[in-house]
Amino acid sequence: MAHASTFADQIWLDKPTGSPIFASARITRIEKTTVYFLVNGNETSRDLARISRISVDDEPALNQAEEAMALGKFDDAVDAYQRVARSSAKPWVREWAAGRLVEASSKSGRFDAASGAYIALLLKDPAAAAGRKPAMPAKGSTYLDTAVAQVNAALATPRLSDAQSSALLAYLIELHVARQDDSAANAAAAKLDELLARDPANPAAGAANARRKLQAAGKLVDSRQYSQAIAAIEADGAMFTEADQQAEAMFLLATSKLGLASSGEKQKLQDAALAYMRVVAHFKDEPRRPRVAQALAHAAAICEQLGDRPAAVELYTDLALQFADDEAVAASARQALERLKGS
């Protein structure tokens, strides 16, 4: 969908600091994951993911948000992006702000704002919102309840398309799973399955089936049926085509291997640590780094259990550095390092 054009004096690619790559450009539209703009009268485009920062002549709130984001002042960026998303007269600017708000909110721990922005993107264009879903907060967070209310309000929007409804329901299921409310998750899944049954060719149908398989495997792990969980995941492995699904499957496999190892079985414990490190190796470069922090923490704990202090220190240090913007994760890693120093 085309958006009204406006002037953007500056566009940064890849890095939000230093000199802008395009010092004077006219943004003409944003379509899904592509930004189109004029340079010297000639239209060019860039993938949305490559544009790290913009400055727009008549959007001071947006410019303030972009500067705060570039400087790592994520709380300030959240507040500014929220103002832009509410007040800008330009549809493409509001869409840009919503996407950036998801990122800034996630980094500042403001899941409520991130979730609201993500829902706005789903309502705008579910396909374009792919890959921008915020990471779930810790179990028990009241933000999860807030997000559920936000999704339910969005589902009540008149004349939603099937694509919008299915995307919202899929997100609602993940929220309920994070809340550990199986009844609510199953109810939302039933609604999604009913919706997807209208169009079996819908790509979301495969994702829904994969999600159910992973949920079933997760329940096996929770009930300590580790061998059955491994068999189920290996049997359904071809269904897991998205990074989040693959990371979850590999994490459950590692957890099952750990569960099957007794405290004195060195080789099995080493195998479990290696399985966790495969999660890290495969998904550390993914934008949302699914399950990477948890996998690093488990691998470090196993090394500590095995008495391999240097390896444990290295992994906890990596965890603290790589997830410095997640205070809970970084603080836990620092505490482990202090414990090892004192031992």
C-alpha atoms as a PDB file:
ATOM      1  CA  MET A   1       0.000   0.000   0.000  1.00  0.00           C
ATOM      2  CA  ALA A   2       1.415   3.369  -1.011  1.00  0.00           C
ATOM      3  CA  HIS A   3       1.855   6.136   1.505  1.00  0.00           C
ATOM      4  CA  ALA A   4       1.867   9.893   1.093  1.00  0.00           C
ATOM      5  CA  SER A   5       5.341  11.188   0.335  1.00  0.00           C
ATOM      6  CA  THR A   6       7.300  13.554   2.508  1.00  0.00           C
ATOM      7  CA  PHE A   7      10.848  14.868   2.760  1.00  0.00           C
ATOM      8  CA  ALA A   8      13.568  13.080   4.654  1.00  0.00           C
ATOM      9  CA  ASP A   9      16.723  15.132   4.782  1.00  0.00           C
ATOM     10  CA  GLN A  10      18.895  12.240   5.861  1.00  0.00           C
ATOM     11  CA  ILE A  11      18.952   8.435   5.660  1.00  0.00           C
ATOM     12  CA  TRP A  12      21.479   6.235   7.464  1.00  0.00           C
ATOM     13  CA  LEU A  13      22.123   2.679   6.318  1.00  0.00           C
ATOM     14  CA  ASP A  14      23.294  -0.130   8.587  1.00  0.00           C
ATOM     15  CA  LYS A  15      24.810   2.171  11.248  1.00  0.00           C
ATOM     16  CA  PRO A  16      22.794   4.981  12.916  1.00  0.00           C
ATOM     17  CA  THR A  17      25.865   7.091  13.707  1.00  0.00           C
ATOM     18  CA  GLY A  18      28.374   8.919  11.561  1.00  0.00           C
ATOM     19  CA  SER A  19      27.469  10.599   8.296  1.00  0.00           C
ATOM     20  CA  PRO A  20      24.213   9.643   6.558  1.00  0.00           C
ATOM     21  CA  ILE A  21      24.507   7.754   3.281  1.00  0.00           C
ATOM     22  CA  PHE A  22      21.762   9.856   1.701  1.00  0.00           C
ATOM     23  CA  ALA A  23      21.923  13.463   2.879  1.00  0.00           C
ATOM     24  CA  SER A  24      18.906  14.661   0.890  1.00  0.00           C
ATOM     25  CA  ALA A  25      16.253  12.208  -0.195  1.00  0.00           C
ATOM     26  CA  ARG A  26      12.525  12.211  -0.730  1.00  0.00           C
ATOM     27  CA  ILE A  27      10.733   9.195   0.702  1.00  0.00           C
ATOM     28  CA  THR A  28       7.845   8.330  -1.569  1.00  0.00           C
ATOM     29  CA  ARG A  29       6.371   5.229   0.045  1.00  0.00           C
ATOM     30  CA  ILE A  30       6.884   2.174   2.225  1.00  0.00           C
ATOM     31  CA  GLU A  31       5.627  -1.127   0.873  1.00  0.00           C
ATOM     32  CA  LYS A  32       5.883  -4.125   3.187  1.00  0.00           C
ATOM     33  CA  THR A  33       9.637  -4.425   3.911  1.00  0.00           C
ATOM     34  CA  THR A  34      10.904  -1.897   1.366  1.00  0.00           C
ATOM     35  CA  VAL A  35      11.391   1.879   1.566  1.00  0.00           C
ATOM     36  CA  TYR A  36      11.277   3.827  -1.703  1.00  0.00           C
ATOM     37  CA  PHE A  37      12.777   7.291  -2.070  1.00  0.00           C
ATOM     38  CA  LEU A  38      14.042   9.776  -4.651  1.00  0.00           C
ATOM     39  CA  VAL A  39      17.642  10.884  -4.933  1.00  0.00           C
ATOM     40  CA  ASN A  40      18.308  13.610  -7.500  1.00  0.00           C
ATOM     41  CA  GLY A  41      14.949  12.838  -9.067  1.00  0.00           C
ATOM     42  CA  ASN A  42      15.661   9.125  -9.495  1.00  0.00           C
ATOM     43  CA  GLU A  43      13.755   6.565  -7.481  1.00  0.00           C
ATOM     44  CA  THR A  44      15.699   3.962  -5.547  1.00  0.00           C
ATOM     45  CA  SER A  45      14.856   1.649  -2.683  1.00  0.00           C
ATOM     46  CA  ARG A  46      16.359  -0.163   0.263  1.00  0.00           C
ATOM     47  CA  ASP A  47      15.260  -3.012   2.455  1.00  0.00           C
ATOM     48  CA  LEU A  48      13.626  -1.656   5.600  1.00  0.00           C
ATOM     49  CA  ALA A  49      16.025  -3.658   7.760  1.00  0.00           C
ATOM     50  CA  ARG A  50      19.022  -1.781   6.326  1.00  0.00           C
ATOM     51  CA  ILE A  51      17.760   1.678   7.190  1.00  0.00           C
ATOM     52  CA  SER A  52      19.032   2.351  10.683  1.00  0.00           C
ATOM     53  CA  ARG A  53      17.979   5.962  11.076  1.00  0.00           C
ATOM     54  CA  ILE A  54      16.177   8.790   9.264  1.00  0.00           C
ATOM     55  CA  SER A  55      15.694  12.492   9.816  1.00  0.00           C
ATOM     56  CA  VAL A  56      12.556  14.162   8.451  1.00  0.00           C
ATOM     57  CA  ASP A  57      12.224  17.921   7.993  1.00  0.00           C
ATOM     58  CA  ASP A  58       8.811  18.445   9.542  1.00  0.00           C
ATOM     59  CA  GLU A  59       8.728  15.580  12.060  1.00  0.00           C
ATOM     60  CA  PRO A  60      10.656  16.838  15.121  1.00  0.00           C
ATOM     61  CA  ALA A  61       9.260  14.126  17.416  1.00  0.00           C
ATOM     62  CA  LEU A  62      10.404  11.432  15.002  1.00  0.00           C
ATOM     63  CA  ASN A  63      13.858  12.981  14.747  1.00  0.00           C
ATOM     64  CA  GLN A  64      14.077  13.094  18.539  1.00  0.00           C
ATOM     65  CA  ALA A  65      13.106   9.428  18.748  1.00  0.00           C
ATOM     66  CA  GLU A  66      15.621   8.434  16.071  1.00  0.00           C
ATOM     67  CA  GLU A  67      18.426  10.287  17.820  1.00  0.00           C
ATOM     68  CA  ALA A  68      17.586   8.714  21.180  1.00  0.00           C
ATOM     69  CA  MET A  69      17.514   5.290  19.536  1.00  0.00           C
ATOM     70  CA  ALA A  70      20.919   5.862  17.921  1.00  0.00           C
ATOM     71  CA  LEU A  71      22.374   6.874  21.299  1.00  0.00           C
ATOM     72  CA  GLY A  72      20.922   3.849  23.081  1.00  0.00           C
ATOM     73  CA  LYS A  73      18.503   5.949  25.148  1.00  0.00           C
ATOM     74  CA  PHE A  74      15.712   3.444  24.678  1.00  0.00           C
ATOM     75  CA  ASP A  75      13.284   4.762  27.320  1.00  0.00           C
ATOM     76  CA  ASP A  76      13.398   8.224  25.724  1.00  0.00           C
ATOM     77  CA  ALA A  77      12.991   6.637  22.296  1.00  0.00           C
ATOM     78  CA  VAL A  78       9.893   4.716  23.419  1.00  0.00           C
ATOM     79  CA  ASP A  79       8.177   7.879  24.664  1.00  0.00           C
ATOM     80  CA  ALA A  80       9.014   9.792  21.488  1.00  0.00           C
ATOM     81  CA  TYR A  81       7.968   6.998  19.118  1.00  0.00           C
ATOM     82  CA  GLN A  82       4.670   6.687  20.970  1.00  0.00           C
ATOM     83  CA  ARG A  83       4.002  10.385  20.379  1.00  0.00           C
ATOM     84  CA  VAL A  84       4.801   9.978  16.692  1.00  0.00           C
ATOM     85  CA  ALA A  85       2.619   6.888  16.299  1.00  0.00           C
ATOM     86  CA  ARG A  86      -0.303   8.760  17.877  1.00  0.00           C
ATOM     87  CA  SER A  87       0.049  12.178  16.305  1.00  0.00           C
ATOM     88  CA  SER A  88       1.807  12.179  12.936  1.00  0.00           C
ATOM     89  CA  ALA A  89      -0.420  13.089   9.999  1.00  0.00           C
ATOM     90  CA  LYS A  90       1.628  10.900   7.653  1.00  0.00           C
ATOM     91  CA  PRO A  91       0.657   7.202   7.469  1.00  0.00           C
ATOM     92  CA  TRP A  92       4.158   6.047   6.496  1.00  0.00           C
ATOM     93  CA  VAL A  93       5.676   7.929   9.457  1.00  0.00           C
ATOM     94  CA  ARG A  94       3.214   6.295  11.855  1.00  0.00           C
ATOM     95  CA  GLU A  95       4.068   2.902  10.380  1.00  0.00           C
ATOM     96  CA  TRP A  96       7.805   3.585  10.669  1.00  0.00           C
ATOM     97  CA  ALA A  97       7.362   4.698  14.287  1.00  0.00           C
ATOM     98  CA  ALA A  98       5.353   1.571  15.151  1.00  0.00           C
ATOM     99  CA  GLY A  99       8.087  -0.682  13.808  1.00  0.00           C
ATOM    100  CA  ARG A 100      10.819   1.203  15.632  1.00  0.00           C
ATOM    101  CA  LEU A 101       8.720   1.265  18.796  1.00  0.00           C
ATOM    102  CA  VAL A 102       8.731  -2.543  18.894  1.00  0.00           C
ATOM    103  CA  GLU A 103      12.533  -2.547  18.797  1.00  0.00           C
ATOM    104  CA  ALA A 104      13.028   0.288  21.294  1.00  0.00           C
ATOM    105  CA  SER A 105      10.442  -1.099  23.718  1.00  0.00           C
ATOM    106  CA  SER A 106      11.988  -4.555  23.637  1.00  0.00           C
ATOM    107  CA  LYS A 107      15.413  -3.134  24.459  1.00  0.00           C
ATOM    108  CA  SER A 108      14.056  -0.993  27.286  1.00  0.00           C
ATOM    109  CA  GLY A 109      11.978  -3.780  28.800  1.00  0.00           C
ATOM    110  CA  ARG A 110       8.710  -2.009  27.936  1.00  0.00           C
ATOM    111  CA  PHE A 111       6.841  -5.042  26.644  1.00  0.00           C
ATOM    112  CA  ASP A 112       3.501  -3.250  26.961  1.00  0.00           C
ATOM    113  CA  ALA A 113       4.576  -0.620  24.439  1.00  0.00           C
ATOM    114  CA  ALA A 114       6.288  -3.174  22.216  1.00  0.00           C
ATOM    115  CA  SER A 115       3.186  -5.340  22.145  1.00  0.00           C
ATOM    116  CA  GLY A 116       0.900  -2.433  21.342  1.00  0.00           C
ATOM    117  CA  ALA A 117       3.132  -1.380  18.465  1.00  0.00           C
ATOM    118  CA  TYR A 118       3.345  -4.932  17.128  1.00  0.00           C
ATOM    119  CA  ILE A 119      -0.445  -5.264  17.205  1.00  0.00           C
ATOM    120  CA  ALA A 120      -0.723  -2.002  15.256  1.00  0.00           C
ATOM    121  CA  LEU A 121       1.614  -3.473  12.628  1.00  0.00           C
ATOM    122  CA  LEU A 122      -0.445  -6.673  12.466  1.00  0.00           C
ATOM    123  CA  LEU A 123      -3.578  -4.625  11.850  1.00  0.00           C
ATOM    124  CA  LYS A 124      -1.790  -2.640   9.146  1.00  0.00           C
ATOM    125  CA  ASP A 125      -0.171  -5.541   7.280  1.00  0.00           C
ATOM    126  CA  PRO A 126       0.368  -8.955   8.912  1.00  0.00           C
ATOM    127  CA  ALA A 127       2.939  -9.963   6.293  1.00  0.00           C
ATOM    128  CA  ALA A 128       5.010  -6.825   6.814  1.00  0.00           C
ATOM    129  CA  ALA A 129       4.872  -7.339  10.591  1.00  0.00           C
ATOM    130  CA  ALA A 130       6.624 -10.708  10.282  1.00  0.00           C
ATOM    131  CA  GLY A 131       9.933 -10.715  12.117  1.00  0.00           C
ATOM    132  CA  ARG A 132       9.026  -7.765  14.346  1.00  0.00           C
ATOM    133  CA  LYS A 133       7.327  -9.679  17.118  1.00  0.00           C
ATOM    134  CA  PRO A 134       8.718  -8.649  20.527  1.00  0.00           C
ATOM    135  CA  ALA A 135      10.385 -11.209  22.760  1.00  0.00           C
ATOM    136  CA  MET A 136       8.146 -12.449  25.548  1.00  0.00           C
ATOM    137  CA  PRO A 137       8.798 -11.091  29.054  1.00  0.00           C
ATOM    138  CA  ALA A 138       9.568 -13.316  32.011  1.00  0.00           C
ATOM    139  CA  LYS A 139       6.916 -15.700  33.274  1.00  0.00           C
ATOM    140  CA  GLY A 140       4.526 -13.973  35.646  1.00  0.00           C
ATOM    141  CA  SER A 141       5.001 -10.516  34.151  1.00  0.00           C
ATOM    142  CA  THR A 142       1.833  -8.411  34.343  1.00  0.00           C
ATOM    143  CA  TYR A 143       2.763  -7.118  30.886  1.00  0.00           C
ATOM    144  CA  LEU A 144       1.489 -10.432  29.512  1.00  0.00           C
ATOM    145  CA  ASP A 145      -1.990  -9.733  30.889  1.00  0.00           C
ATOM    146  CA  THR A 146      -1.876  -6.247  29.394  1.00  0.00           C
ATOM    147  CA  ALA A 147      -0.873  -7.667  26.013  1.00  0.00           C
ATOM    148  CA  VAL A 148      -3.713 -10.218  26.093  1.00  0.00           C
ATOM    149  CA  ALA A 149      -6.177  -7.376  26.674  1.00  0.00           C
ATOM    150  CA  GLN A 150      -4.607  -5.451  23.776  1.00  0.00           C
ATOM    151  CA  VAL A 151      -4.994  -8.406  21.407  1.00  0.00           C
ATOM    152  CA  ASN A 152      -8.570  -9.074  22.462  1.00  0.00           C
ATOM    153  CA  ALA A 153      -9.416  -5.425  21.834  1.00  0.00           C
ATOM    154  CA  ALA A 154      -7.818  -5.645  18.378  1.00  0.00           C
ATOM    155  CA  LEU A 155      -9.773  -8.828  17.589  1.00  0.00           C
ATOM    156  CA  ALA A 156     -12.964  -6.866  18.280  1.00  0.00           C
ATOM    157  CA  THR A 157     -12.095  -4.421  15.477  1.00  0.00           C
ATOM    158  CA  PRO A 158     -14.856  -4.461  12.829  1.00  0.00           C
ATOM    159  CA  ARG A 159     -14.209  -6.009   9.400  1.00  0.00           C
ATOM    160  CA  LEU A 160     -10.890  -7.683  10.131  1.00  0.00           C
ATOM    161  CA  SER A 161      -9.495  -9.743   7.279  1.00  0.00           C
ATOM    162  CA  ASP A 162      -8.778 -13.435   7.803  1.00  0.00           C
ATOM    163  CA  ALA A 163      -5.056 -12.645   7.598  1.00  0.00           C
ATOM    164  CA  GLN A 164      -5.348 -10.055  10.371  1.00  0.00           C
ATOM    165  CA  SER A 165      -7.455 -12.306  12.572  1.00  0.00           C
ATOM    166  CA  SER A 166      -5.183 -15.313  12.149  1.00  0.00           C
ATOM    167  CA  ALA A 167      -2.062 -13.245  12.915  1.00  0.00           C
ATOM    168  CA  LEU A 168      -3.671 -11.792  16.038  1.00  0.00           C
ATOM    169  CA  LEU A 169      -4.853 -15.209  17.224  1.00  0.00           C
ATOM    170  CA  ALA A 170      -1.410 -16.719  16.669  1.00  0.00           C
ATOM    171  CA  TYR A 171       0.092 -13.961  18.818  1.00  0.00           C
ATOM    172  CA  LEU A 172      -2.614 -14.442  21.444  1.00  0.00           C
ATOM    173  CA  ILE A 173      -1.750 -18.145  21.681  1.00  0.00           C
ATOM    174  CA  GLU A 174       1.916 -17.313  22.319  1.00  0.00           C
ATOM    175  CA  LEU A 175       0.918 -14.869  25.043  1.00  0.00           C
ATOM    176  CA  HIS A 176      -1.249 -17.475  26.766  1.00  0.00           C
ATOM    177  CA  VAL A 177       1.514 -20.058  26.503  1.00  0.00           C
ATOM    178  CA  ALA A 178       3.908 -17.575  28.119  1.00  0.00           C
ATOM    179  CA  ARG A 179       1.304 -17.036  30.852  1.00  0.00           C
ATOM    180  CA  GLN A 180       1.092 -20.834  31.221  1.00  0.00           C
ATOM    181  CA  ASP A 181      -2.667 -20.684  30.702  1.00  0.00           C
ATOM    182  CA  ASP A 182      -3.217 -23.861  28.687  1.00  0.00           C
ATOM    183  CA  SER A 183      -6.993 -23.509  28.691  1.00  0.00           C
ATOM    184  CA  ALA A 184      -6.904 -20.025  27.161  1.00  0.00           C
ATOM    185  CA  ALA A 185      -4.193 -21.055  24.680  1.00  0.00           C
ATOM    186  CA  ASN A 186      -6.249 -24.036  23.542  1.00  0.00           C
ATOM    187  CA  ALA A 187      -9.365 -21.868  23.172  1.00  0.00           C
ATOM    188  CA  ALA A 188      -7.468 -19.379  20.998  1.00  0.00           C
ATOM    189  CA  ALA A 189      -5.923 -22.257  19.013  1.00  0.00           C
ATOM    190  CA  ALA A 190      -9.376 -23.678  18.339  1.00  0.00           C
ATOM    191  CA  LYS A 191     -10.512 -20.321  16.957  1.00  0.00           C
ATOM    192  CA  LEU A 192      -7.397 -20.109  14.795  1.00  0.00           C
ATOM    193  CA  ASP A 193      -7.860 -23.646  13.473  1.00  0.00           C
ATOM    194  CA  GLU A 194     -11.455 -22.844  12.575  1.00  0.00           C
ATOM    195  CA  LEU A 195     -10.305 -19.754  10.718  1.00  0.00           C
ATOM    196  CA  LEU A 196      -7.494 -21.547   8.888  1.00  0.00           C
ATOM    197  CA  ALA A 197      -9.827 -24.358   7.845  1.00  0.00           C
ATOM    198  CA  ARG A 198     -11.430 -21.913   5.424  1.00  0.00           C
ATOM    199  CA  ASP A 199      -8.171 -21.772   3.473  1.00  0.00           C
ATOM    200  CA  PRO A 200      -5.883 -24.807   3.907  1.00  0.00           C
ATOM    201  CA  ALA A 201      -3.366 -23.156   1.548  1.00  0.00           C
ATOM    202  CA  ASN A 202      -2.845 -20.347   4.047  1.00  0.00           C
ATOM    203  CA  PRO A 203       0.834 -20.447   5.128  1.00  0.00           C
ATOM    204  CA  ALA A 204      -0.319 -19.806   8.693  1.00  0.00           C
ATOM    205  CA  ALA A 205      -1.919 -23.259   8.722  1.00  0.00           C
ATOM    206  CA  GLY A 206       1.487 -24.909   8.679  1.00  0.00           C
ATOM    207  CA  ALA A 207       2.753 -22.570  11.370  1.00  0.00           C
ATOM    208  CA  ALA A 208      -0.254 -23.400  13.550  1.00  0.00           C
ATOM    209  CA  ASN A 209       0.355 -27.127  13.165  1.00  0.00           C
ATOM    210  CA  ALA A 210       4.044 -26.701  14.008  1.00  0.00           C
ATOM    211  CA  ARG A 211       3.105 -24.654  17.062  1.00  0.00           C
ATOM    212  CA  ARG A 212       0.797 -27.427  18.311  1.00  0.00           C
ATOM    213  CA  LYS A 213       3.532 -30.026  17.862  1.00  0.00           C
ATOM    214  CA  LEU A 214       5.997 -27.902  19.836  1.00  0.00           C
ATOM    215  CA  GLN A 215       3.453 -27.306  22.582  1.00  0.00           C
ATOM    216  CA  ALA A 216       2.892 -31.052  22.857  1.00  0.00           C
ATOM    217  CA  ALA A 217       6.648 -31.661  23.034  1.00  0.00           C
ATOM    218  CA  GLY A 218       6.996 -28.940  25.661  1.00  0.00           C
ATOM    219  CA  LYS A 219       4.381 -30.634  27.817  1.00  0.00           C
ATOM    220  CA  LEU A 220       6.300 -33.907  27.554  1.00  0.00           C
ATOM    221  CA  VAL A 221       9.430 -32.114  28.749  1.00  0.00           C
ATOM    222  CA  ASP A 222       7.533 -30.463  31.607  1.00  0.00           C
ATOM    223  CA  SER A 223       6.260 -33.886  32.717  1.00  0.00           C
ATOM    224  CA  ARG A 224       9.805 -35.296  32.468  1.00  0.00           C
ATOM    225  CA  GLN A 225       8.953 -37.658  29.626  1.00  0.00           C
ATOM    226  CA  TYR A 226      12.239 -36.788  27.970  1.00  0.00           C
ATOM    227  CA  SER A 227      12.640 -39.790  25.656  1.00  0.00           C
ATOM    228  CA  GLN A 228       9.130 -39.308  24.299  1.00  0.00           C
ATOM    229  CA  ALA A 229       9.815 -35.584  23.776  1.00  0.00           C
ATOM    230  CA  ILE A 230      12.982 -36.337  21.793  1.00  0.00           C
ATOM    231  CA  ALA A 231      11.143 -38.881  19.637  1.00  0.00           C
ATOM    232  CA  ALA A 232       8.278 -36.453  18.955  1.00  0.00           C
ATOM    233  CA  ILE A 233      10.566 -33.574  17.977  1.00  0.00           C
ATOM    234  CA  GLU A 234      12.710 -35.739  15.722  1.00  0.00           C
ATOM    235  CA  ALA A 235       9.605 -37.178  14.039  1.00  0.00           C
ATOM    236  CA  ASP A 236       8.136 -33.726  13.366  1.00  0.00           C
ATOM    237  CA  GLY A 237      11.407 -31.916  12.617  1.00  0.00           C
ATOM    238  CA  ALA A 238      10.564 -31.161   8.978  1.00  0.00           C
ATOM    239  CA  MET A 239       7.551 -29.120  10.092  1.00  0.00           C
ATOM    240  CA  PHE A 240       9.683 -26.547  11.913  1.00  0.00           C
ATOM    241  CA  THR A 241      10.634 -24.132   9.133  1.00  0.00           C
ATOM    242  CA  GLU A 242      10.775 -20.800  10.968  1.00  0.00           C
ATOM    243  CA  ALA A 243      13.711 -19.718  13.114  1.00  0.00           C
ATOM    244  CA  ASP A 244      11.619 -19.432  16.289  1.00  0.00           C
ATOM    245  CA  GLN A 245      10.218 -22.930  15.783  1.00  0.00           C
ATOM    246  CA  GLN A 246      13.621 -24.435  15.054  1.00  0.00           C
ATOM    247  CA  ALA A 247      15.176 -22.747  18.074  1.00  0.00           C
ATOM    248  CA  GLU A 248      12.392 -23.986  20.336  1.00  0.00           C
ATOM    249  CA  ALA A 249      12.729 -27.534  18.985  1.00  0.00           C
ATOM    250  CA  MET A 250      16.499 -27.560  19.497  1.00  0.00           C
ATOM    251  CA  PHE A 251      16.145 -26.074  22.984  1.00  0.00           C
ATOM    252  CA  LEU A 252      13.621 -28.761  23.969  1.00  0.00           C
ATOM    253  CA  LEU A 253      15.967 -31.445  22.644  1.00  0.00           C
ATOM    254  CA  ALA A 254      18.835 -30.052  24.730  1.00  0.00           C
ATOM    255  CA  THR A 255      16.627 -29.840  27.815  1.00  0.00           C
ATOM    256  CA  SER A 256      15.515 -33.425  27.301  1.00  0.00           C
ATOM    257  CA  LYS A 257      19.127 -34.586  27.020  1.00  0.00           C
ATOM    258  CA  LEU A 258      19.923 -32.768  30.237  1.00  0.00           C
ATOM    259  CA  GLY A 259      16.921 -34.370  31.903  1.00  0.00           C
ATOM    260  CA  LEU A 260      18.122 -37.839  30.892  1.00  0.00           C
ATOM    261  CA  ALA A 261      21.586 -37.244  32.353  1.00  0.00           C
ATOM    262  CA  SER A 262      22.232 -37.970  36.012  1.00  0.00           C
ATOM    263  CA  SER A 263      24.631 -35.794  37.984  1.00  0.00           C
ATOM    264  CA  GLY A 264      27.506 -38.266  37.603  1.00  0.00           C
ATOM    265  CA  GLU A 265      27.151 -38.991  33.893  1.00  0.00           C
ATOM    266  CA  LYS A 266      29.858 -36.747  32.516  1.00  0.00           C
ATOM    267  CA  GLN A 267      29.460 -37.690  28.849  1.00  0.00           C
ATOM    268  CA  LYS A 268      25.685 -37.187  28.854  1.00  0.00           C
ATOM    269  CA  LEU A 269      26.072 -33.833  30.580  1.00  0.00           C
ATOM    270  CA  GLN A 270      28.660 -32.780  28.011  1.00  0.00           C
ATOM    271  CA  ASP A 271      26.290 -33.864  25.229  1.00  0.00           C
ATOM    272  CA  ALA A 272      23.532 -31.739  26.755  1.00  0.00           C
ATOM    273  CA  ALA A 273      25.853 -28.719  26.977  1.00  0.00           C
ATOM    274  CA  LEU A 274      26.811 -29.216  23.344  1.00  0.00           C
ATOM    275  CA  ALA A 275      23.127 -29.392  22.375  1.00  0.00           C
ATOM    276  CA  TYR A 276      22.500 -26.055  24.114  1.00  0.00           C
ATOM    277  CA  MET A 277      25.498 -24.540  22.329  1.00  0.00           C
ATOM    278  CA  ARG A 278      24.026 -25.619  18.983  1.00  0.00           C
ATOM    279  CA  VAL A 279      21.084 -23.335  19.762  1.00  0.00           C
ATOM    280  CA  VAL A 280      23.522 -20.489  20.372  1.00  0.00           C
ATOM    281  CA  ALA A 281      25.503 -21.184  17.203  1.00  0.00           C
ATOM    282  CA  HIS A 282      22.462 -21.417  14.959  1.00  0.00           C
ATOM    283  CA  PHE A 283      20.421 -18.476  16.260  1.00  0.00           C
ATOM    284  CA  LYS A 284      22.806 -15.918  17.787  1.00  0.00           C
ATOM    285  CA  ASP A 285      22.620 -13.834  14.612  1.00  0.00           C
ATOM    286  CA  GLU A 286      18.828 -13.940  14.325  1.00  0.00           C
ATOM    287  CA  PRO A 287      17.228 -10.558  15.129  1.00  0.00           C
ATOM    288  CA  ARG A 288      15.342 -11.897  18.147  1.00  0.00           C
ATOM    289  CA  ARG A 289      18.002 -14.486  19.127  1.00  0.00           C
ATOM    290  CA  PRO A 290      15.332 -17.034  20.142  1.00  0.00           C
ATOM    291  CA  ARG A 291      16.290 -19.156  23.150  1.00  0.00           C
ATOM    292  CA  VAL A 292      19.940 -18.055  22.885  1.00  0.00           C
ATOM    293  CA  ALA A 293      20.148 -16.498  26.358  1.00  0.00           C
ATOM    294  CA  GLN A 294      18.541 -19.509  28.043  1.00  0.00           C
ATOM    295  CA  ALA A 295      20.772 -21.923  26.105  1.00  0.00           C
ATOM    296  CA  LEU A 296      23.933 -20.037  27.099  1.00  0.00           C
ATOM    297  CA  ALA A 297      22.863 -20.002  30.732  1.00  0.00           C
ATOM    298  CA  HIS A 298      22.152 -23.744  30.760  1.00  0.00           C
ATOM    299  CA  ALA A 299      25.436 -24.586  29.015  1.00  0.00           C
ATOM    300  CA  ALA A 300      27.357 -22.454  31.529  1.00  0.00           C
ATOM    301  CA  ALA A 301      25.583 -24.121  34.459  1.00  0.00           C
ATOM    302  CA  ILE A 302      26.463 -27.567  33.111  1.00  0.00           C
ATOM    303  CA  CYS A 303      30.119 -26.565  32.777  1.00  0.00           C
ATOM    304  CA  GLU A 304      29.999 -25.327  36.357  1.00  0.00           C
ATOM    305  CA  GLN A 305      28.420 -28.613  37.459  1.00  0.00           C
ATOM    306  CA  LEU A 306      31.196 -30.551  35.672  1.00  0.00           C
ATOM    307  CA  GLY A 307      33.848 -28.516  37.437  1.00  0.00           C
ATOM    308  CA  ASP A 308      35.026 -26.830  34.231  1.00  0.00           C
ATOM    309  CA  ARG A 309      35.406 -23.398  35.779  1.00  0.00           C
ATOM    310  CA  PRO A 310      37.196 -21.687  32.819  1.00  0.00           C
ATOM    311  CA  ALA A 311      34.463 -22.753  30.385  1.00  0.00           C
ATOM    312  CA  ALA A 312      31.729 -21.652  32.791  1.00  0.00           C
ATOM    313  CA  VAL A 313      33.379 -18.258  33.269  1.00  0.00           C
ATOM    314  CA  GLU A 314      33.705 -17.801  29.520  1.00  0.00           C
ATOM    315  CA  LEU A 315      30.046 -18.646  28.878  1.00  0.00           C
ATOM    316  CA  TYR A 316      28.690 -16.501  31.718  1.00  0.00           C
ATOM    317  CA  THR A 317      30.873 -13.635  30.468  1.00  0.00           C
ATOM    318  CA  ASP A 318      29.496 -14.068  26.947  1.00  0.00           C
ATOM    319  CA  LEU A 319      25.979 -14.062  28.369  1.00  0.00           C
ATOM    320  CA  ALA A 320      26.542 -10.850  30.322  1.00  0.00           C
ATOM    321  CA  LEU A 321      28.075  -9.095  27.310  1.00  0.00           C
ATOM    322  CA  GLN A 322      25.756 -10.324  24.588  1.00  0.00           C
ATOM    323  CA  PHE A 323      22.625  -9.578  26.605  1.00  0.00           C
ATOM    324  CA  ALA A 324      23.768  -6.413  28.350  1.00  0.00           C
ATOM    325  CA  ASP A 325      20.504  -4.716  27.277  1.00  0.00           C
ATOM    326  CA  ASP A 326      18.462  -7.339  29.171  1.00  0.00           C
ATOM    327  CA  GLU A 327      19.060  -6.409  32.802  1.00  0.00           C
ATOM    328  CA  ALA A 328      17.570  -9.602  34.263  1.00  0.00           C
ATOM    329  CA  VAL A 329      19.732 -11.877  32.107  1.00  0.00           C
ATOM    330  CA  ALA A 330      22.881  -9.785  32.518  1.00  0.00           C
ATOM    331  CA  ALA A 331      22.433  -9.504  36.290  1.00  0.00           C
ATOM    332  CA  SER A 332      22.016 -13.269  36.650  1.00  0.00           C
ATOM    333  CA  ALA A 333      25.194 -13.852  34.616  1.00  0.00           C
ATOM    334  CA  ARG A 334      27.134 -11.339  36.710  1.00  0.00           C
ATOM    335  CA  GLN A 335      25.983 -13.032  39.915  1.00  0.00           C
ATOM    336  CA  ALA A 336      27.212 -16.369  38.591  1.00  0.00           C
ATOM    337  CA  LEU A 337      30.592 -14.826  37.766  1.00  0.00           C
ATOM    338  CA  GLU A 338      30.872 -13.394  41.267  1.00  0.00           C
ATOM    339  CA  ARG A 339      30.015 -16.799  42.702  1.00  0.00           C
ATOM    340  CA  LEU A 340      32.735 -18.462  40.611  1.00  0.00           C
ATOM    341  CA  LYS A 341      35.292 -15.850  41.622  1.00  0.00           C
ATOM    342  CA  GLY A 342      34.592 -16.587  45.244  1.00  0.00           C
ATOM    343  CA  SER A 343      34.832 -20.328  44.850  1.00  0.00           C
END
